[in-house]
């Protein structure tokens, strides 16, 4: 079976999904490894509400098997008050089996986010998203400054992970620098996974 990087995201208005798709392109630039896009269901304030087991559109929901067998994980969420969105946090809160079994130990991981304002908490969201990955024993990767777009960007982009400034009139449109950094992040995680023996 070809190894894969799991790109697990939650997207409400499409910007985080657009980033996930560019990150997937970066993963596949690394060679003998695939990108697997997965999402999580929304969280309902009504306790009786249930989500369908298969979403009507977009990526399918992440399974325990998707998580367990990945060669690396790239986690994405829109910013919610400087933190990840509740649906992604809810999913991560349910990964105790993977934690107990050590399924993610020593696998590379990275994070990405989108905000509607330039200073809406991109860095705090990226940093807080790293915490459960550290508890899972993953190897956190960011974007090194050897990526020139990290210094030239006037929108999203951070050494902590890829980010996007989703201004109201341009929610899903990524800038050239944001696309470059998304692809660089995907390629870097995939390359590290291969160096760690994912293809063996």
C-alpha atoms as a PDB file:
ATOM      1  CA  UNK A   1       0.000   0.000   0.000  1.00  0.00           C
ATOM      2  CA  UNK A   2       1.328   3.452  -0.903  1.00  0.00           C
ATOM      3  CA  UNK A   3       1.993   5.528   2.235  1.00  0.00           C
ATOM      4  CA  UNK A   4      -0.104   8.641   2.720  1.00  0.00           C
ATOM      5  CA  UNK A   5      -0.093  11.915   4.576  1.00  0.00           C
ATOM      6  CA  UNK A   6      -3.425  12.555   6.258  1.00  0.00           C
ATOM      7  CA  UNK A   7      -4.610  16.126   5.705  1.00  0.00           C
ATOM      8  CA  UNK A   8      -7.310  16.473   8.327  1.00  0.00           C
ATOM      9  CA  UNK A   9      -9.237  19.732   8.317  1.00  0.00           C
ATOM     10  CA  UNK A  10     -12.453  21.491   9.196  1.00  0.00           C
ATOM     11  CA  UNK A  11     -13.701  24.171   6.813  1.00  0.00           C
ATOM     12  CA  UNK A  12     -16.887  26.181   7.078  1.00  0.00           C
ATOM     13  CA  UNK A  13     -16.621  28.679   4.229  1.00  0.00           C
ATOM     14  CA  UNK A  14     -14.099  26.951   1.961  1.00  0.00           C
ATOM     15  CA  UNK A  15     -10.833  28.768   2.728  1.00  0.00           C
ATOM     16  CA  UNK A  16      -9.363  26.001   4.870  1.00  0.00           C
ATOM     17  CA  UNK A  17     -10.434  23.467   2.246  1.00  0.00           C
ATOM     18  CA  UNK A  18      -8.659  25.496  -0.461  1.00  0.00           C
ATOM     19  CA  UNK A  19      -5.503  25.399   1.680  1.00  0.00           C
ATOM     20  CA  UNK A  20      -5.862  21.636   2.227  1.00  0.00           C
ATOM     21  CA  UNK A  21      -6.035  21.101  -1.527  1.00  0.00           C
ATOM     22  CA  UNK A  22      -2.819  23.075  -2.090  1.00  0.00           C
ATOM     23  CA  UNK A  23      -1.102  21.209   0.743  1.00  0.00           C
ATOM     24  CA  UNK A  24      -2.141  17.946  -0.947  1.00  0.00           C
ATOM     25  CA  UNK A  25      -0.437  19.113  -4.144  1.00  0.00           C
ATOM     26  CA  UNK A  26       2.712  19.710  -2.136  1.00  0.00           C
ATOM     27  CA  UNK A  27       2.548  16.238  -0.575  1.00  0.00           C
ATOM     28  CA  UNK A  28       2.358  14.623  -3.979  1.00  0.00           C
ATOM     29  CA  UNK A  29       5.436  16.569  -5.171  1.00  0.00           C
ATOM     30  CA  UNK A  30       7.525  14.519  -2.705  1.00  0.00           C
ATOM     31  CA  UNK A  31       7.346  11.315  -4.738  1.00  0.00           C
ATOM     32  CA  UNK A  32       6.170   7.900  -3.602  1.00  0.00           C
ATOM     33  CA  UNK A  33       3.527   9.111  -1.169  1.00  0.00           C
ATOM     34  CA  UNK A  34      -0.117  10.163  -1.420  1.00  0.00           C
ATOM     35  CA  UNK A  35      -2.253  12.867   0.143  1.00  0.00           C
ATOM     36  CA  UNK A  36      -5.463  11.754   1.855  1.00  0.00           C
ATOM     37  CA  UNK A  37      -7.978  14.556   2.507  1.00  0.00           C
ATOM     38  CA  UNK A  38     -10.392  14.009   5.378  1.00  0.00           C
ATOM     39  CA  UNK A  39     -12.709  16.269   7.342  1.00  0.00           C
ATOM     40  CA  UNK A  40     -14.777  16.142  10.526  1.00  0.00           C
ATOM     41  CA  UNK A  41     -18.499  16.741  11.044  1.00  0.00           C
ATOM     42  CA  UNK A  42     -19.790  19.996  12.470  1.00  0.00           C
ATOM     43  CA  UNK A  43     -20.685  20.060  16.160  1.00  0.00           C
ATOM     44  CA  UNK A  44     -24.354  20.738  16.842  1.00  0.00           C
ATOM     45  CA  UNK A  45     -25.616  22.660  19.899  1.00  0.00           C
ATOM     46  CA  UNK A  46     -28.608  20.307  19.854  1.00  0.00           C
ATOM     47  CA  UNK A  47     -27.567  17.110  21.627  1.00  0.00           C
ATOM     48  CA  UNK A  48     -30.078  14.988  19.705  1.00  0.00           C
ATOM     49  CA  UNK A  49     -28.707  16.083  16.316  1.00  0.00           C
ATOM     50  CA  UNK A  50     -26.571  13.615  14.401  1.00  0.00           C
ATOM     51  CA  UNK A  51     -24.480  14.012  11.287  1.00  0.00           C
ATOM     52  CA  UNK A  52     -24.778  11.551   8.404  1.00  0.00           C
ATOM     53  CA  UNK A  53     -22.012   8.955   8.333  1.00  0.00           C
ATOM     54  CA  UNK A  54     -20.950  10.217   4.892  1.00  0.00           C
ATOM     55  CA  UNK A  55     -21.079  13.951   4.119  1.00  0.00           C
ATOM     56  CA  UNK A  56     -23.137  15.089   1.133  1.00  0.00           C
ATOM     57  CA  UNK A  57     -20.125  16.821  -0.458  1.00  0.00           C
ATOM     58  CA  UNK A  58     -16.392  17.316  -0.030  1.00  0.00           C
ATOM     59  CA  UNK A  59     -13.960  15.017   1.738  1.00  0.00           C
ATOM     60  CA  UNK A  60     -15.278  12.092   3.749  1.00  0.00           C
ATOM     61  CA  UNK A  61     -15.017  12.041   7.513  1.00  0.00           C
ATOM     62  CA  UNK A  62     -11.804  10.858   9.101  1.00  0.00           C
ATOM     63  CA  UNK A  63     -11.848   7.338  10.525  1.00  0.00           C
ATOM     64  CA  UNK A  64      -9.762   5.786  13.272  1.00  0.00           C
ATOM     65  CA  UNK A  65      -8.027   3.745  10.563  1.00  0.00           C
ATOM     66  CA  UNK A  66      -7.160   6.889   8.542  1.00  0.00           C
ATOM     67  CA  UNK A  67      -5.436   8.300  11.599  1.00  0.00           C
ATOM     68  CA  UNK A  68      -3.737   5.100  12.735  1.00  0.00           C
ATOM     69  CA  UNK A  69      -2.182   4.210   9.379  1.00  0.00           C
ATOM     70  CA  UNK A  70      -1.012   7.620   8.179  1.00  0.00           C
ATOM     71  CA  UNK A  71       2.677   8.287   7.619  1.00  0.00           C
ATOM     72  CA  UNK A  72       2.202  11.875   8.783  1.00  0.00           C
ATOM     73  CA  UNK A  73      -0.557  14.297   9.729  1.00  0.00           C
ATOM     74  CA  UNK A  74      -1.289  17.865   8.642  1.00  0.00           C
ATOM     75  CA  UNK A  75      -4.044  19.451  10.689  1.00  0.00           C
ATOM     76  CA  UNK A  76      -6.068  22.467   9.531  1.00  0.00           C
ATOM     77  CA  UNK A  77      -8.756  24.670  11.019  1.00  0.00           C
ATOM     78  CA  UNK A  78     -10.185  28.153  10.730  1.00  0.00           C
ATOM     79  CA  UNK A  79      -9.363  30.374  13.678  1.00  0.00           C
ATOM     80  CA  UNK A  80     -12.004  30.658  16.374  1.00  0.00           C
ATOM     81  CA  UNK A  81     -11.056  33.262  18.977  1.00  0.00           C
ATOM     82  CA  UNK A  82      -7.364  32.392  18.619  1.00  0.00           C
ATOM     83  CA  UNK A  83      -7.913  28.652  18.756  1.00  0.00           C
ATOM     84  CA  UNK A  84      -8.998  25.777  16.515  1.00  0.00           C
ATOM     85  CA  UNK A  85     -12.679  25.328  15.667  1.00  0.00           C
ATOM     86  CA  UNK A  86     -14.787  23.165  17.987  1.00  0.00           C
ATOM     87  CA  UNK A  87     -15.446  20.343  15.457  1.00  0.00           C
ATOM     88  CA  UNK A  88     -11.726  19.641  15.063  1.00  0.00           C
ATOM     89  CA  UNK A  89     -11.115  19.884  18.815  1.00  0.00           C
ATOM     90  CA  UNK A  90     -14.043  17.520  19.397  1.00  0.00           C
ATOM     91  CA  UNK A  91     -12.517  15.005  16.984  1.00  0.00           C
ATOM     92  CA  UNK A  92      -9.091  15.244  18.624  1.00  0.00           C
ATOM     93  CA  UNK A  93     -10.646  14.773  22.063  1.00  0.00           C
ATOM     94  CA  UNK A  94     -11.819  11.382  20.831  1.00  0.00           C
ATOM     95  CA  UNK A  95      -8.395  10.097  19.753  1.00  0.00           C
ATOM     96  CA  UNK A  96      -7.473   8.497  23.067  1.00  0.00           C
ATOM     97  CA  UNK A  97      -7.214   5.017  21.472  1.00  0.00           C
ATOM     98  CA  UNK A  98      -4.538   6.310  19.099  1.00  0.00           C
ATOM     99  CA  UNK A  99      -2.777   7.914  22.080  1.00  0.00           C
ATOM    100  CA  UNK A 100      -2.926   4.751  24.216  1.00  0.00           C
ATOM    101  CA  UNK A 101      -1.663   2.610  21.329  1.00  0.00           C
ATOM    102  CA  UNK A 102       1.051   5.090  20.326  1.00  0.00           C
ATOM    103  CA  UNK A 103      -0.202   5.112  16.728  1.00  0.00           C
ATOM    104  CA  UNK A 104       1.207   8.562  15.936  1.00  0.00           C
ATOM    105  CA  UNK A 105       4.497   8.471  17.822  1.00  0.00           C
ATOM    106  CA  UNK A 106       7.496   9.635  15.753  1.00  0.00           C
ATOM    107  CA  UNK A 107       5.409  10.598  12.714  1.00  0.00           C
ATOM    108  CA  UNK A 108       5.808  14.117  11.262  1.00  0.00           C
ATOM    109  CA  UNK A 109       3.000  16.613  11.764  1.00  0.00           C
ATOM    110  CA  UNK A 110       2.173  20.179  10.774  1.00  0.00           C
ATOM    111  CA  UNK A 111      -0.683  22.662  11.105  1.00  0.00           C
ATOM    112  CA  UNK A 112      -2.467  25.303   9.007  1.00  0.00           C
ATOM    113  CA  UNK A 113      -5.189  27.892   9.553  1.00  0.00           C
ATOM    114  CA  UNK A 114      -7.282  30.632   7.987  1.00  0.00           C
ATOM    115  CA  UNK A 115      -8.559  33.839   9.581  1.00  0.00           C
ATOM    116  CA  UNK A 116     -10.954  36.543   8.402  1.00  0.00           C
ATOM    117  CA  UNK A 117      -8.746  39.305   9.831  1.00  0.00           C
ATOM    118  CA  UNK A 118      -5.000  39.677   9.455  1.00  0.00           C
ATOM    119  CA  UNK A 119      -4.348  39.658  13.203  1.00  0.00           C
ATOM    120  CA  UNK A 120      -7.187  37.333  14.129  1.00  0.00           C
ATOM    121  CA  UNK A 121      -5.054  34.822  16.012  1.00  0.00           C
ATOM    122  CA  UNK A 122      -3.269  32.874  13.274  1.00  0.00           C
ATOM    123  CA  UNK A 123      -0.157  32.176  15.327  1.00  0.00           C
ATOM    124  CA  UNK A 124      -1.987  31.333  18.565  1.00  0.00           C
ATOM    125  CA  UNK A 125      -4.241  28.961  16.623  1.00  0.00           C
ATOM    126  CA  UNK A 126      -1.285  27.234  14.982  1.00  0.00           C
ATOM    127  CA  UNK A 127       0.562  26.895  18.287  1.00  0.00           C
ATOM    128  CA  UNK A 128      -2.478  25.585  20.160  1.00  0.00           C
ATOM    129  CA  UNK A 129      -3.146  23.048  17.388  1.00  0.00           C
ATOM    130  CA  UNK A 130       0.330  21.640  17.963  1.00  0.00           C
ATOM    131  CA  UNK A 131      -0.379  20.731  21.597  1.00  0.00           C
ATOM    132  CA  UNK A 132      -2.458  17.567  21.062  1.00  0.00           C
ATOM    133  CA  UNK A 133       0.008  16.463  18.372  1.00  0.00           C
ATOM    134  CA  UNK A 134       2.860  16.789  20.863  1.00  0.00           C
ATOM    135  CA  UNK A 135       0.868  14.709  23.347  1.00  0.00           C
ATOM    136  CA  UNK A 136       0.556  12.056  20.632  1.00  0.00           C
ATOM    137  CA  UNK A 137       4.358  12.001  20.331  1.00  0.00           C
ATOM    138  CA  UNK A 138       4.435  13.471  16.838  1.00  0.00           C
ATOM    139  CA  UNK A 139       7.371  15.378  15.358  1.00  0.00           C
ATOM    140  CA  UNK A 140       6.236  18.955  14.737  1.00  0.00           C
ATOM    141  CA  UNK A 141       7.445  20.577  11.535  1.00  0.00           C
ATOM    142  CA  UNK A 142       6.959  24.140  10.405  1.00  0.00           C
ATOM    143  CA  UNK A 143       8.070  26.140   7.403  1.00  0.00           C
ATOM    144  CA  UNK A 144      11.751  27.148   7.344  1.00  0.00           C
ATOM    145  CA  UNK A 145      12.840  30.602   6.210  1.00  0.00           C
ATOM    146  CA  UNK A 146      14.613  28.984   3.266  1.00  0.00           C
ATOM    147  CA  UNK A 147      11.146  29.334   1.715  1.00  0.00           C
ATOM    148  CA  UNK A 148      11.413  32.838   0.249  1.00  0.00           C
ATOM    149  CA  UNK A 149       7.639  33.390   0.321  1.00  0.00           C
ATOM    150  CA  UNK A 150       7.810  33.385   4.114  1.00  0.00           C
ATOM    151  CA  UNK A 151       9.687  36.689   3.971  1.00  0.00           C
ATOM    152  CA  UNK A 152       7.829  38.211   1.022  1.00  0.00           C
ATOM    153  CA  UNK A 153       4.228  37.412   2.004  1.00  0.00           C
ATOM    154  CA  UNK A 154       1.908  40.321   2.769  1.00  0.00           C
ATOM    155  CA  UNK A 155      -1.011  38.066   3.634  1.00  0.00           C
ATOM    156  CA  UNK A 156      -0.827  34.636   5.298  1.00  0.00           C
ATOM    157  CA  UNK A 157       2.245  32.577   6.049  1.00  0.00           C
ATOM    158  CA  UNK A 158       4.160  31.744   9.203  1.00  0.00           C
ATOM    159  CA  UNK A 159       7.100  29.600  10.320  1.00  0.00           C
ATOM    160  CA  UNK A 160       4.601  27.799  12.600  1.00  0.00           C
ATOM    161  CA  UNK A 161       2.592  26.579   9.612  1.00  0.00           C
ATOM    162  CA  UNK A 162       0.686  27.739   6.564  1.00  0.00           C
ATOM    163  CA  UNK A 163      -1.971  30.404   7.017  1.00  0.00           C
ATOM    164  CA  UNK A 164      -4.425  32.422   4.935  1.00  0.00           C
ATOM    165  CA  UNK A 165      -5.926  35.878   5.378  1.00  0.00           C
ATOM    166  CA  UNK A 166      -9.513  35.388   4.203  1.00  0.00           C
ATOM    167  CA  UNK A 167     -10.684  38.963   3.739  1.00  0.00           C
ATOM    168  CA  UNK A 168     -14.463  39.217   3.410  1.00  0.00           C
ATOM    169  CA  UNK A 169     -14.434  39.850  -0.334  1.00  0.00           C
ATOM    170  CA  UNK A 170     -11.828  37.174  -1.036  1.00  0.00           C
ATOM    171  CA  UNK A 171     -12.617  34.301   1.325  1.00  0.00           C
ATOM    172  CA  UNK A 172     -11.396  31.334  -0.726  1.00  0.00           C
ATOM    173  CA  UNK A 173      -8.799  32.989  -2.958  1.00  0.00           C
ATOM    174  CA  UNK A 174      -5.274  32.178  -1.828  1.00  0.00           C
ATOM    175  CA  UNK A 175      -2.453  34.539  -2.752  1.00  0.00           C
ATOM    176  CA  UNK A 176       0.516  33.260  -4.731  1.00  0.00           C
ATOM    177  CA  UNK A 177       2.666  33.312  -1.571  1.00  0.00           C
ATOM    178  CA  UNK A 178       0.006  31.441   0.430  1.00  0.00           C
ATOM    179  CA  UNK A 179      -0.183  28.752  -2.273  1.00  0.00           C
ATOM    180  CA  UNK A 180       3.604  28.450  -2.339  1.00  0.00           C
ATOM    181  CA  UNK A 181       3.756  28.056   1.439  1.00  0.00           C
ATOM    182  CA  UNK A 182       0.891  25.540   1.542  1.00  0.00           C
ATOM    183  CA  UNK A 183       2.631  23.404  -1.061  1.00  0.00           C
ATOM    184  CA  UNK A 184       5.982  23.774   0.697  1.00  0.00           C
ATOM    185  CA  UNK A 185       4.448  22.584   3.972  1.00  0.00           C
ATOM    186  CA  UNK A 186       2.868  19.547   2.340  1.00  0.00           C
ATOM    187  CA  UNK A 187       6.047  18.622   0.520  1.00  0.00           C
ATOM    188  CA  UNK A 188       8.145  19.038   3.661  1.00  0.00           C
ATOM    189  CA  UNK A 189       5.985  16.750   5.809  1.00  0.00           C
ATOM    190  CA  UNK A 190       5.833  14.141   3.038  1.00  0.00           C
ATOM    191  CA  UNK A 191       9.599  14.291   2.459  1.00  0.00           C
ATOM    192  CA  UNK A 192      10.292  13.853   6.166  1.00  0.00           C
ATOM    193  CA  UNK A 193       7.865  10.929   6.321  1.00  0.00           C
ATOM    194  CA  UNK A 194       9.732   9.262   3.469  1.00  0.00           C
ATOM    195  CA  UNK A 195      13.078   9.945   5.130  1.00  0.00           C
ATOM    196  CA  UNK A 196      11.731   8.275   8.255  1.00  0.00           C
ATOM    197  CA  UNK A 197      10.962   5.164   6.256  1.00  0.00           C
ATOM    198  CA  UNK A 198       7.294   5.583   5.361  1.00  0.00           C
ATOM    199  CA  UNK A 199       7.755   3.866   1.982  1.00  0.00           C
ATOM    200  CA  UNK A 200       9.396   0.754   3.449  1.00  0.00           C
END
